[in-house]
PDB file of N, CA and C in Angstrom:
ATOM      1  N   UNK A   1      -8.910 -16.274 -96.371  1.00  0.00           N
ATOM      2  CA  UNK A   1      -9.026 -16.886 -94.669  1.00  0.00           C
ATOM      3  C   UNK A   1      -8.521 -18.011 -94.493  1.00  0.00           C
ATOM      4  N   UNK A   2      -8.243 -18.244 -93.922  1.00  0.00           N
ATOM      5  CA  UNK A   2      -7.332 -20.316 -92.938  1.00  0.00           C
ATOM      6  C   UNK A   2      -8.323 -20.353 -91.786  1.00  0.00           C
ATOM      7  N   UNK A   3      -8.879 -21.102 -91.973  1.00  0.00           N
ATOM      8  CA  UNK A   3      -9.811 -22.122 -90.370  1.00  0.00           C
ATOM      9  C   UNK A   3      -8.780 -23.449 -90.346  1.00  0.00           C
ATOM     10  N   UNK A   4      -9.115 -23.797 -88.678  1.00  0.00           N
ATOM     11  CA  UNK A   4      -7.749 -25.214 -88.887  1.00  0.00           C
ATOM     12  C   UNK A   4      -8.859 -25.422 -88.287  1.00  0.00           C
ATOM     13  N   UNK A   5      -9.454 -27.396 -87.410  1.00  0.00           N
ATOM     14  CA  UNK A   5     -10.537 -27.487 -87.189  1.00  0.00           C
ATOM     15  C   UNK A   5      -9.691 -29.075 -86.372  1.00  0.00           C
ATOM     16  N   UNK A   6      -9.333 -29.216 -85.326  1.00  0.00           N
ATOM     17  CA  UNK A   6      -8.753 -30.099 -84.518  1.00  0.00           C
ATOM     18  C   UNK A   6     -10.344 -31.000 -83.904  1.00  0.00           C
ATOM     19  N   UNK A   7     -11.083 -32.315 -84.547  1.00  0.00           N
ATOM     20  CA  UNK A   7     -11.994 -32.915 -83.384  1.00  0.00           C
ATOM     21  C   UNK A   7     -12.322 -33.808 -83.769  1.00  0.00           C
ATOM     22  N   UNK A   8     -12.354 -35.147 -82.913  1.00  0.00           N
ATOM     23  CA  UNK A   8     -12.758 -36.025 -82.611  1.00  0.00           C
ATOM     24  C   UNK A   8     -13.876 -36.800 -83.472  1.00  0.00           C
ATOM     25  N   UNK A   9     -13.996 -37.693 -84.815  1.00  0.00           N
ATOM     26  CA  UNK A   9     -14.648 -38.599 -85.327  1.00  0.00           C
ATOM     27  C   UNK A   9     -15.839 -39.080 -84.393  1.00  0.00           C
ATOM     28  N   UNK A  10     -15.284 -39.501 -83.193  1.00  0.00           N
ATOM     29  CA  UNK A  10     -15.743 -40.531 -82.591  1.00  0.00           C
ATOM     30  C   UNK A  10     -17.387 -39.900 -81.675  1.00  0.00           C
ATOM     31  N   UNK A  11     -16.876 -38.753 -82.109  1.00  0.00           N
ATOM     32  CA  UNK A  11     -17.936 -37.973 -80.448  1.00  0.00           C
ATOM     33  C   UNK A  11     -18.994 -37.343 -81.261  1.00  0.00           C
ATOM     34  N   UNK A  12     -20.283 -37.415 -81.934  1.00  0.00           N
ATOM     35  CA  UNK A  12     -21.482 -36.973 -82.976  1.00  0.00           C
ATOM     36  C   UNK A  12     -21.496 -35.318 -83.339  1.00  0.00           C
ATOM     37  N   UNK A  13     -20.709 -35.426 -81.349  1.00  0.00           N
ATOM     38  CA  UNK A  13     -21.735 -33.408 -81.817  1.00  0.00           C
ATOM     39  C   UNK A  13     -20.728 -33.181 -81.999  1.00  0.00           C
ATOM     40  N   UNK A  14     -19.106 -33.336 -82.116  1.00  0.00           N
ATOM     41  CA  UNK A  14     -18.191 -32.915 -83.363  1.00  0.00           C
ATOM     42  C   UNK A  14     -18.139 -32.772 -84.579  1.00  0.00           C
ATOM     43  N   UNK A  15     -18.676 -34.369 -84.918  1.00  0.00           N
ATOM     44  CA  UNK A  15     -18.973 -34.824 -86.204  1.00  0.00           C
ATOM     45  C   UNK A  15     -20.145 -33.094 -86.534  1.00  0.00           C
ATOM     46  N   UNK A  16     -20.769 -33.021 -85.885  1.00  0.00           N
ATOM     47  CA  UNK A  16     -22.142 -31.917 -86.366  1.00  0.00           C
ATOM     48  C   UNK A  16     -21.355 -31.008 -87.047  1.00  0.00           C
ATOM     49  N   UNK A  17     -20.788 -30.377 -85.788  1.00  0.00           N
ATOM     50  CA  UNK A  17     -20.117 -28.923 -85.755  1.00  0.00           C
ATOM     51  C   UNK A  17     -19.285 -29.336 -86.708  1.00  0.00           C
ATOM     52  N   UNK A  18     -18.689 -30.524 -87.962  1.00  0.00           N
ATOM     53  CA  UNK A  18     -17.468 -29.954 -87.921  1.00  0.00           C
ATOM     54  C   UNK A  18     -18.485 -29.746 -89.775  1.00  0.00           C
ATOM     55  N   UNK A  19     -19.808 -30.554 -89.462  1.00  0.00           N
ATOM     56  CA  UNK A  19     -20.647 -30.564 -90.523  1.00  0.00           C
ATOM     57  C   UNK A  19     -21.025 -29.591 -90.729  1.00  0.00           C
ATOM     58  N   UNK A  20     -21.651 -28.505 -89.792  1.00  0.00           N
ATOM     59  CA  UNK A  20     -21.999 -26.850 -89.791  1.00  0.00           C
ATOM     60  C   UNK A  20     -20.816 -26.357 -90.844  1.00  0.00           C
ATOM     61  N   UNK A  21     -19.734 -26.665 -90.189  1.00  0.00           N
ATOM     62  CA  UNK A  21     -18.655 -25.337 -90.207  1.00  0.00           C
ATOM     63  C   UNK A  21     -18.608 -25.502 -91.632  1.00  0.00           C
ATOM     64  N   UNK A  22     -18.400 -26.962 -92.459  1.00  0.00           N
ATOM     65  CA  UNK A  22     -18.226 -27.370 -93.665  1.00  0.00           C
ATOM     66  C   UNK A  22     -19.012 -26.682 -95.174  1.00  0.00           C
ATOM     67  N   UNK A  23     -20.586 -26.709 -93.828  1.00  0.00           N
ATOM     68  CA  UNK A  23     -21.604 -26.092 -94.993  1.00  0.00           C
ATOM     69  C   UNK A  23     -22.183 -24.984 -94.363  1.00  0.00           C
ATOM     70  N   UNK A  24     -21.657 -24.145 -93.484  1.00  0.00           N
ATOM     71  CA  UNK A  24     -22.185 -22.889 -93.718  1.00  0.00           C
ATOM     72  C   UNK A  24     -20.405 -22.865 -94.714  1.00  0.00           C
ATOM     73  N   UNK A  25     -19.252 -22.623 -94.616  1.00  0.00           N
ATOM     74  CA  UNK A  25     -19.128 -21.872 -95.700  1.00  0.00           C
ATOM     75  C   UNK A  25     -18.928 -22.369 -96.969  1.00  0.00           C
ATOM     76  N   UNK A  26     -19.807 -23.460 -97.379  1.00  0.00           N
ATOM     77  CA  UNK A  26     -20.542 -23.686 -99.035  1.00  0.00           C
ATOM     78  C   UNK A  26     -21.864 -22.949 -99.688  1.00  0.00           C
ATOM     79  N   UNK A  27     -22.160 -23.094 -98.660  1.00  0.00           N
ATOM     80  CA  UNK A  27     -23.237 -22.748 -98.637  1.00  0.00           C
ATOM     81  C   UNK A  27     -23.562 -20.794 -98.834  1.00  0.00           C
ATOM     82  N   UNK A  28     -22.188 -19.777 -98.131  1.00  0.00           N
ATOM     83  CA  UNK A  28     -21.580 -18.211 -98.815  1.00  0.00           C
ATOM     84  C   UNK A  28     -20.574 -18.500 -99.103  1.00  0.00           C
ATOM     85  N   UNK A  29     -20.516 -19.344 -99.374  1.00  0.00           N
ATOM     86  CA  UNK A  29     -19.133 -19.516-101.047  1.00  0.00           C
ATOM     87  C   UNK A  29     -18.016 -18.942-100.469  1.00  0.00           C
ATOM     88  N   UNK A  30     -17.379 -18.715 -98.596  1.00  0.00           N
ATOM     89  CA  UNK A  30     -16.417 -18.412 -98.687  1.00  0.00           C
ATOM     90  C   UNK A  30     -15.019 -19.559 -98.992  1.00  0.00           C
ATOM     91  N   UNK A  31     -14.102 -17.729 -99.417  1.00  0.00           N
ATOM     92  CA  UNK A  31     -13.100 -18.743 -99.529  1.00  0.00           C
ATOM     93  C   UNK A  31     -12.607 -19.167 -98.199  1.00  0.00           C
ATOM     94  N   UNK A  32     -11.828 -20.389 -97.962  1.00  0.00           N
ATOM     95  CA  UNK A  32     -10.807 -20.019 -96.743  1.00  0.00           C
ATOM     96  C   UNK A  32     -10.011 -21.188 -96.892  1.00  0.00           C
ATOM     97  N   UNK A  33      -8.723 -21.881 -96.687  1.00  0.00           N
ATOM     98  CA  UNK A  33      -7.909 -22.783 -96.412  1.00  0.00           C
ATOM     99  C   UNK A  33      -8.528 -23.735 -95.158  1.00  0.00           C
ATOM    100  N   UNK A  34      -8.951 -24.819 -95.559  1.00  0.00           N
ATOM    101  CA  UNK A  34      -9.862 -24.942 -93.784  1.00  0.00           C
ATOM    102  C   UNK A  34      -8.700 -26.366 -94.663  1.00  0.00           C
ATOM    103  N   UNK A  35      -8.098 -26.715 -92.951  1.00  0.00           N
ATOM    104  CA  UNK A  35      -7.444 -27.686 -92.323  1.00  0.00           C
ATOM    105  C   UNK A  35      -8.403 -28.369 -91.494  1.00  0.00           C
ATOM    106  N   UNK A  36      -8.353 -29.457 -91.362  1.00  0.00           N
ATOM    107  CA  UNK A  36      -8.771 -30.547 -90.854  1.00  0.00           C
ATOM    108  C   UNK A  36      -8.175 -31.516 -89.871  1.00  0.00           C
ATOM    109  N   UNK A  37      -7.709 -31.942 -89.209  1.00  0.00           N
ATOM    110  CA  UNK A  37      -7.606 -32.795 -87.872  1.00  0.00           C
ATOM    111  C   UNK A  37      -8.385 -33.798 -87.102  1.00  0.00           C
ATOM    112  N   UNK A  38      -8.391 -35.125 -87.803  1.00  0.00           N
ATOM    113  CA  UNK A  38      -9.245 -36.269 -87.219  1.00  0.00           C
ATOM    114  C   UNK A  38      -8.137 -36.033 -85.364  1.00  0.00           C
ATOM    115  N   UNK A  39      -8.916 -36.059 -84.374  1.00  0.00           N
ATOM    116  CA  UNK A  39      -7.884 -36.816 -83.553  1.00  0.00           C
ATOM    117  C   UNK A  39      -8.666 -37.104 -82.346  1.00  0.00           C
ATOM    118  N   UNK A  40      -8.626 -37.945 -81.321  1.00  0.00           N
ATOM    119  CA  UNK A  40      -9.408 -38.035 -80.027  1.00  0.00           C
ATOM    120  C   UNK A  40      -9.152 -37.081 -79.161  1.00  0.00           C
ATOM    121  N   UNK A  41     -10.101 -35.743 -78.160  1.00  0.00           N
ATOM    122  CA  UNK A  41     -10.627 -34.756 -78.226  1.00  0.00           C
ATOM    123  C   UNK A  41     -11.660 -34.784 -76.924  1.00  0.00           C
ATOM    124  N   UNK A  42     -11.252 -34.142 -76.498  1.00  0.00           N
ATOM    125  CA  UNK A  42     -13.186 -33.475 -75.140  1.00  0.00           C
ATOM    126  C   UNK A  42     -13.399 -32.838 -76.246  1.00  0.00           C
ATOM    127  N   UNK A  43     -12.847 -32.313 -76.416  1.00  0.00           N
ATOM    128  CA  UNK A  43     -13.761 -30.053 -77.330  1.00  0.00           C
ATOM    129  C   UNK A  43     -13.062 -30.114 -77.981  1.00  0.00           C
ATOM    130  N   UNK A  44     -13.834 -30.110 -79.765  1.00  0.00           N
ATOM    131  CA  UNK A  44     -12.456 -29.169 -80.705  1.00  0.00           C
ATOM    132  C   UNK A  44     -12.088 -28.363 -80.960  1.00  0.00           C
ATOM    133  N   UNK A  45     -11.123 -28.213 -81.989  1.00  0.00           N
ATOM    134  CA  UNK A  45     -11.172 -26.334 -81.249  1.00  0.00           C
ATOM    135  C   UNK A  45     -10.661 -26.004 -82.478  1.00  0.00           C
ATOM    136  N   UNK A  46     -11.488 -25.233 -82.916  1.00  0.00           N
ATOM    137  CA  UNK A  46     -10.899 -23.929 -83.988  1.00  0.00           C
ATOM    138  C   UNK A  46     -10.158 -22.570 -84.313  1.00  0.00           C
ATOM    139  N   UNK A  47      -9.887 -23.049 -85.739  1.00  0.00           N
ATOM    140  CA  UNK A  47      -8.453 -21.393 -85.456  1.00  0.00           C
ATOM    141  C   UNK A  47      -9.436 -21.097 -86.742  1.00  0.00           C
ATOM    142  N   UNK A  48      -8.778 -19.504 -86.477  1.00  0.00           N
ATOM    143  CA  UNK A  48      -9.320 -18.995 -87.778  1.00  0.00           C
ATOM    144  C   UNK A  48      -8.423 -17.853 -87.392  1.00  0.00           C
ATOM    145  N   UNK A  49      -7.189 -17.832 -88.945  1.00  0.00           N
ATOM    146  CA  UNK A  49      -6.710 -16.848 -88.686  1.00  0.00           C
ATOM    147  C   UNK A  49      -6.738 -16.476 -87.599  1.00  0.00           C
ATOM    148  N   UNK A  50      -5.909 -17.384 -87.517  1.00  0.00           N
ATOM    149  CA  UNK A  50      -4.191 -17.560 -86.068  1.00  0.00           C
ATOM    150  C   UNK A  50      -5.350 -17.312 -85.010  1.00  0.00           C
ATOM    151  N   UNK A  51      -6.927 -17.308 -84.860  1.00  0.00           N
ATOM    152  CA  UNK A  51      -7.786 -16.687 -83.769  1.00  0.00           C
ATOM    153  C   UNK A  51      -7.892 -18.169 -83.475  1.00  0.00           C
ATOM    154  N   UNK A  52      -7.606 -18.508 -82.233  1.00  0.00           N
ATOM    155  CA  UNK A  52      -8.704 -19.866 -82.098  1.00  0.00           C
ATOM    156  C   UNK A  52      -9.549 -19.837 -80.643  1.00  0.00           C
ATOM    157  N   UNK A  53     -10.192 -20.818 -80.497  1.00  0.00           N
ATOM    158  CA  UNK A  53     -11.525 -21.205 -80.259  1.00  0.00           C
ATOM    159  C   UNK A  53     -11.218 -22.260 -79.268  1.00  0.00           C
ATOM    160  N   UNK A  54     -11.135 -22.673 -78.187  1.00  0.00           N
ATOM    161  CA  UNK A  54     -11.141 -23.766 -77.452  1.00  0.00           C
ATOM    162  C   UNK A  54     -12.132 -24.151 -75.671  1.00  0.00           C
ATOM    163  N   UNK A  55     -11.989 -25.234 -75.709  1.00  0.00           N
ATOM    164  CA  UNK A  55     -12.458 -25.497 -74.252  1.00  0.00           C
ATOM    165  C   UNK A  55     -11.475 -25.063 -73.358  1.00  0.00           C
ATOM    166  N   UNK A  56     -11.978 -23.939 -72.205  1.00  0.00           N
ATOM    167  CA  UNK A  56     -10.047 -24.198 -71.400  1.00  0.00           C
ATOM    168  C   UNK A  56     -10.559 -24.271 -69.917  1.00  0.00           C
ATOM    169  N   UNK A  57     -11.287 -25.510 -69.819  1.00  0.00           N
ATOM    170  CA  UNK A  57     -11.953 -26.019 -68.921  1.00  0.00           C
ATOM    171  C   UNK A  57     -10.787 -26.607 -68.303  1.00  0.00           C
ATOM    172  N   UNK A  58     -10.515 -26.314 -66.346  1.00  0.00           N
ATOM    173  CA  UNK A  58      -9.640 -26.738 -65.969  1.00  0.00           C
ATOM    174  C   UNK A  58      -9.749 -28.321 -64.787  1.00  0.00           C
ATOM    175  N   UNK A  59     -11.465 -28.261 -64.918  1.00  0.00           N
ATOM    176  CA  UNK A  59     -11.566 -29.782 -64.703  1.00  0.00           C
ATOM    177  C   UNK A  59     -12.773 -30.308 -65.372  1.00  0.00           C
ATOM    178  N   UNK A  60     -12.454 -31.716 -65.452  1.00  0.00           N
ATOM    179  CA  UNK A  60     -13.357 -32.343 -66.488  1.00  0.00           C
ATOM    180  C   UNK A  60     -14.247 -32.530 -67.105  1.00  0.00           C
ATOM    181  N   UNK A  61     -15.528 -33.355 -68.041  1.00  0.00           N
ATOM    182  CA  UNK A  61     -16.251 -32.909 -68.049  1.00  0.00           C
ATOM    183  C   UNK A  61     -17.068 -33.418 -67.258  1.00  0.00           C
ATOM    184  N   UNK A  62     -18.530 -33.197 -66.431  1.00  0.00           N
ATOM    185  CA  UNK A  62     -19.405 -34.393 -66.453  1.00  0.00           C
ATOM    186  C   UNK A  62     -20.171 -34.288 -66.371  1.00  0.00           C
ATOM    187  N   UNK A  63     -21.604 -35.863 -66.642  1.00  0.00           N
ATOM    188  CA  UNK A  63     -22.792 -35.680 -67.294  1.00  0.00           C
ATOM    189  C   UNK A  63     -22.762 -35.378 -68.035  1.00  0.00           C
ATOM    190  N   UNK A  64     -22.799 -34.697 -69.021  1.00  0.00           N
ATOM    191  CA  UNK A  64     -22.560 -34.436 -70.880  1.00  0.00           C
ATOM    192  C   UNK A  64     -22.786 -32.871 -70.491  1.00  0.00           C
ATOM    193  N   UNK A  65     -22.330 -31.970 -70.124  1.00  0.00           N
ATOM    194  CA  UNK A  65     -21.880 -30.914 -70.086  1.00  0.00           C
ATOM    195  C   UNK A  65     -21.783 -30.000 -71.423  1.00  0.00           C
ATOM    196  N   UNK A  66     -22.508 -28.884 -71.613  1.00  0.00           N
ATOM    197  CA  UNK A  66     -22.283 -28.817 -73.363  1.00  0.00           C
ATOM    198  C   UNK A  66     -21.397 -28.836 -73.645  1.00  0.00           C
ATOM    199  N   UNK A  67     -20.687 -28.676 -75.317  1.00  0.00           N
ATOM    200  CA  UNK A  67     -19.567 -28.708 -75.531  1.00  0.00           C
ATOM    201  C   UNK A  67     -19.374 -27.279 -75.591  1.00  0.00           C
ATOM    202  N   UNK A  68     -17.931 -26.476 -75.943  1.00  0.00           N
ATOM    203  CA  UNK A  68     -17.089 -25.431 -75.853  1.00  0.00           C
ATOM    204  C   UNK A  68     -16.260 -25.453 -76.695  1.00  0.00           C
ATOM    205  N   UNK A  69     -16.339 -24.990 -78.052  1.00  0.00           N
ATOM    206  CA  UNK A  69     -17.035 -24.518 -78.932  1.00  0.00           C
ATOM    207  C   UNK A  69     -18.213 -25.005 -79.604  1.00  0.00           C
ATOM    208  N   UNK A  70     -19.363 -24.925 -79.375  1.00  0.00           N
ATOM    209  CA  UNK A  70     -20.247 -25.299 -80.220  1.00  0.00           C
ATOM    210  C   UNK A  70     -21.197 -24.857 -81.511  1.00  0.00           C
ATOM    211  N   UNK A  71     -21.985 -25.737 -82.405  1.00  0.00           N
ATOM    212  CA  UNK A  71     -21.982 -25.233 -83.344  1.00  0.00           C
ATOM    213  C   UNK A  71     -22.156 -23.611 -83.440  1.00  0.00           C
ATOM    214  N   UNK A  72     -22.598 -22.679 -82.791  1.00  0.00           N
ATOM    215  CA  UNK A  72     -23.512 -21.284 -82.892  1.00  0.00           C
ATOM    216  C   UNK A  72     -22.014 -20.551 -81.874  1.00  0.00           C
ATOM    217  N   UNK A  73     -21.943 -20.941 -81.308  1.00  0.00           N
ATOM    218  CA  UNK A  73     -20.291 -20.153 -80.669  1.00  0.00           C
ATOM    219  C   UNK A  73     -19.675 -20.132 -82.477  1.00  0.00           C
ATOM    220  N   UNK A  74     -18.643 -21.539 -83.362  1.00  0.00           N
ATOM    221  CA  UNK A  74     -18.539 -21.415 -84.620  1.00  0.00           C
ATOM    222  C   UNK A  74     -18.520 -20.404 -85.851  1.00  0.00           C
ATOM    223  N   UNK A  75     -19.434 -21.058 -85.595  1.00  0.00           N
ATOM    224  CA  UNK A  75     -20.497 -20.319 -86.774  1.00  0.00           C
ATOM    225  C   UNK A  75     -20.522 -17.714 -86.254  1.00  0.00           C
ATOM    226  N   UNK A  76     -20.474 -17.946 -84.859  1.00  0.00           N
ATOM    227  CA  UNK A  76     -21.139 -16.772 -84.063  1.00  0.00           C
ATOM    228  C   UNK A  76     -19.593 -16.412 -84.514  1.00  0.00           C
ATOM    229  N   UNK A  77     -18.642 -16.936 -84.282  1.00  0.00           N
ATOM    230  CA  UNK A  77     -16.868 -16.421 -84.456  1.00  0.00           C
ATOM    231  C   UNK A  77     -16.404 -16.492 -85.961  1.00  0.00           C
ATOM    232  N   UNK A  78     -17.033 -17.009 -86.947  1.00  0.00           N
ATOM    233  CA  UNK A  78     -16.695 -16.747 -88.587  1.00  0.00           C
ATOM    234  C   UNK A  78     -17.681 -16.032 -88.460  1.00  0.00           C
ATOM    235  N   UNK A  79     -18.548 -15.656 -88.439  1.00  0.00           N
ATOM    236  CA  UNK A  79     -19.641 -14.299 -89.170  1.00  0.00           C
ATOM    237  C   UNK A  79     -18.234 -13.432 -88.725  1.00  0.00           C
ATOM    238  N   UNK A  80     -17.779 -13.295 -87.904  1.00  0.00           N
ATOM    239  CA  UNK A  80     -17.114 -11.927 -86.932  1.00  0.00           C
ATOM    240  C   UNK A  80     -16.070 -11.757 -87.907  1.00  0.00           C
ATOM    241  N   UNK A  81     -15.464 -12.428 -87.524  1.00  0.00           N
ATOM    242  CA  UNK A  81     -13.854 -13.180 -89.108  1.00  0.00           C
ATOM    243  C   UNK A  81     -14.215 -12.330 -90.401  1.00  0.00           C
ATOM    244  N   UNK A  82     -15.817 -12.520 -91.150  1.00  0.00           N
ATOM    245  CA  UNK A  82     -16.433 -12.523 -92.280  1.00  0.00           C
ATOM    246  C   UNK A  82     -16.382 -10.973 -92.102  1.00  0.00           C
ATOM    247  N   UNK A  83     -16.783 -10.141 -90.838  1.00  0.00           N
ATOM    248  CA  UNK A  83     -17.513  -9.232 -91.810  1.00  0.00           C
ATOM    249  C   UNK A  83     -16.008  -7.977 -91.324  1.00  0.00           C
ATOM    250  N   UNK A  84     -15.030  -9.292 -90.780  1.00  0.00           N
ATOM    251  CA  UNK A  84     -13.192  -8.085 -91.430  1.00  0.00           C
ATOM    252  C   UNK A  84     -12.656  -7.440 -92.007  1.00  0.00           C
ATOM    253  N   UNK A  85     -12.979  -8.626 -93.658  1.00  0.00           N
ATOM    254  CA  UNK A  85     -12.726  -8.820 -94.493  1.00  0.00           C
ATOM    255  C   UNK A  85     -11.705  -7.653 -95.192  1.00  0.00           C
TER     256      UNK A  85
END
């Protein structure tokens, strides 16, 4: 399994998503090539075996609405891919 993560280290929510993803892989013993890139982005992008989860909003966020993908979305996508292996 190949997993890529593009995130902002300045955003605590994105750091929480990164840490949750790493913890999920470690706790379940999932063997994956995990590549992460830290850069200034408004929402993280997760790529799992070529499938991308990313925020596709056309308008910018206002008043701190929910981040997509959030931890729940990332874990759900991982579980779908793990069951498909």
